Protein backbone atom coordinates (compact mmCIF):
# COMPACT_ATOMS: atom_id res chain seq x y z
CA UNK A 1 107.81 107.36 115.75
CA UNK A 2 110.20 107.99 118.57
CA UNK A 3 112.69 105.20 119.28
CA UNK A 4 116.12 104.75 120.77
CA UNK A 5 118.70 104.19 118.05
CA UNK A 6 119.69 100.52 117.90
CA UNK A 7 121.16 100.38 114.39
CA UNK A 8 124.22 102.10 112.90
CA UNK A 9 123.73 105.28 110.86
CA UNK A 10 124.82 103.59 107.59
CA UNK A 11 122.07 100.96 107.80
CA UNK A 12 119.97 100.77 104.61
CA UNK A 13 116.53 102.30 105.05
CA UNK A 14 114.54 99.07 104.74
CA UNK A 15 112.70 96.76 107.12
CA UNK A 16 115.16 94.77 109.23
CA UNK A 17 113.92 91.44 107.85
CA UNK A 18 115.06 92.58 104.39
CA UNK A 19 118.67 93.15 105.47
CA UNK A 20 121.12 90.45 104.46
CA UNK A 21 122.90 90.48 107.82
CA UNK A 22 120.88 92.54 110.36
CA UNK A 23 123.23 91.78 113.26
CA UNK A 24 126.12 93.49 111.46
CA UNK A 25 124.21 96.79 111.57
CA UNK A 26 123.40 96.67 115.29
CA UNK A 27 125.09 99.07 117.67
CA UNK A 28 126.75 97.39 120.66
CA UNK A 29 123.87 98.41 122.90
CA UNK A 30 121.37 97.86 120.05
CA UNK A 31 121.12 94.12 120.56
CA UNK A 32 120.19 94.54 124.20
CA UNK A 33 117.74 97.34 123.42
CA UNK A 34 115.99 95.21 120.80
CA UNK A 35 116.07 91.96 122.76
CA UNK A 36 114.33 93.64 125.70
CA UNK A 37 112.23 95.93 123.43
CA UNK A 38 113.63 98.94 125.27
CA UNK A 39 114.10 100.74 121.94
CA UNK A 40 110.30 101.09 121.94
CA UNK A 41 110.03 103.05 125.22
CA UNK A 42 110.04 106.47 123.50
CA UNK A 43 106.86 105.33 121.68
CA UNK A 44 105.04 106.35 124.85
CA UNK A 45 105.48 109.94 123.63
CA UNK A 46 103.64 108.97 120.43
CA UNK A 47 100.80 107.54 122.56
CA UNK A 48 100.54 110.74 124.60
CA UNK A 49 100.43 112.75 121.36
CA UNK A 50 97.59 110.49 120.10
CA UNK A 51 99.57 109.26 117.10
CA UNK A 52 99.49 105.58 118.11
CA UNK A 53 97.81 103.38 120.70
CA UNK A 54 99.24 100.77 123.03
CA UNK A 55 97.63 97.78 121.24
CA UNK A 56 97.31 97.70 117.45
CA UNK A 57 99.28 96.65 114.38
CA UNK A 58 102.92 97.75 114.36
CA UNK A 59 103.42 100.83 112.15
CA UNK A 60 104.75 100.09 108.69
CA UNK A 61 107.78 101.84 107.25
CA UNK A 62 107.05 104.25 104.41
CA UNK A 63 108.63 101.80 101.94
CA UNK A 64 106.81 98.62 103.06
CA UNK A 65 104.36 98.75 100.16
CA UNK A 66 103.80 94.99 100.25
CA UNK A 67 102.71 95.09 103.91
CA UNK A 68 100.54 98.18 103.42
CA UNK A 69 98.79 96.63 100.38
CA UNK A 70 97.97 93.47 102.34
CA UNK A 71 96.64 95.57 105.23
CA UNK A 72 94.38 97.57 102.90
CA UNK A 73 93.04 94.37 101.32
CA UNK A 74 92.31 92.92 104.80
CA UNK A 75 90.77 96.14 106.13
CA UNK A 76 93.44 96.34 108.83
CA UNK A 77 94.59 99.76 107.61
CA UNK A 78 91.64 101.25 109.52
CA UNK A 79 93.26 100.34 112.86
CA UNK A 80 95.47 102.87 114.59
CA UNK A 81 99.06 101.57 114.87
CA UNK A 82 100.28 100.37 118.24
CA UNK A 83 103.38 99.52 120.26
CA UNK A 84 102.28 95.91 120.61
CA UNK A 85 99.67 93.74 119.01
CA UNK A 86 98.30 90.27 118.35
CA UNK A 87 100.87 89.65 115.59
CA UNK A 88 103.69 90.87 117.84
CA UNK A 89 103.01 88.26 120.50
CA UNK A 90 102.31 85.49 117.98
CA UNK A 91 105.54 85.47 116.05
CA UNK A 92 107.01 88.96 115.87
CA UNK A 93 110.08 88.62 113.60
CA UNK A 94 109.55 84.92 112.91
CA UNK A 95 106.43 85.07 110.73
CA UNK A 96 105.75 86.25 107.19
CA UNK A 97 103.97 89.51 106.46
CA UNK A 98 100.98 87.50 105.22
CA UNK A 99 100.76 85.75 108.59
CA UNK A 100 101.13 89.10 110.39
CA UNK A 101 98.26 90.60 108.41
CA UNK A 102 96.09 87.54 109.07
CA UNK A 103 96.73 87.97 112.81
CA UNK A 104 96.00 91.71 112.56
CA UNK A 105 92.70 90.90 110.83
CA UNK A 106 91.89 88.47 113.63
CA UNK A 107 92.66 91.24 116.12
CA UNK A 108 90.32 93.60 114.24
CA UNK A 109 87.53 91.02 114.49
CA UNK A 110 88.15 90.22 118.19
CA UNK A 111 89.04 93.74 119.38
CA UNK A 112 87.84 94.43 122.93
CA UNK A 113 89.14 95.80 126.21
CA UNK A 114 89.65 92.27 127.55
CA UNK A 115 91.47 91.12 124.42
CA UNK A 116 93.72 94.20 124.59
CA UNK A 117 94.45 93.51 128.25
CA UNK A 118 95.37 89.90 127.46
CA UNK A 119 97.70 91.11 124.68
CA UNK A 120 99.41 93.56 127.06
CA UNK A 121 99.99 90.81 129.66
CA UNK A 122 101.33 88.42 127.00
CA UNK A 123 103.54 91.20 125.62
CA UNK A 124 105.37 91.49 128.93
CA UNK A 125 105.84 87.71 129.00
CA UNK A 126 107.14 87.70 125.41
CA UNK A 127 109.57 90.53 126.14
CA UNK A 128 110.76 88.89 129.34
CA UNK A 129 111.68 85.70 127.46
CA UNK A 130 112.66 87.46 124.19
CA UNK A 131 110.09 85.32 122.34
CA UNK A 132 110.09 85.88 118.58
CA UNK A 133 113.08 88.22 118.44
CA UNK A 134 115.26 87.38 115.46
CA UNK A 135 117.76 90.27 115.67
C-alpha cells in the first residue's frame, strides 16, 4: 500500500490504536495529513494496479491477526480491500474491531453501485469535518 509517511521512522510496527501515545509518533506534517486523509492519496496507485478498490474494508496490517480472524469468521475476507468503506464513515478510529467487522459484514450484504456511491459521498463529508479521526 502506497501512503505518504505521517509517522516517525522509530514508530513500533503495530496498528495505531495499539500505540500508547500515537500523537508522540506523528511527524509535524503527519497530523495534518491524517486529519485530512491526505496520507491516503497514493492509494490511487494501488487502485490503478488493481490491488485495492475505492470502496471496501480497509486493509489490515500483517500483524492484525485479531482483525483478520474476525473478518474470516464474518466472511468479509472475500471482499477486496478499499480506501474507504462503510466502517470508515461510521466510526473510523472510534469503534472497536468487532464493530468494524460488523459494519463490513453489513456492507457485504448491502453491496451495490448505489451503496458505494453513497459511501463515497459520505467519505468526503467525513474527511471535510475530520469525523472519527482519533490521531
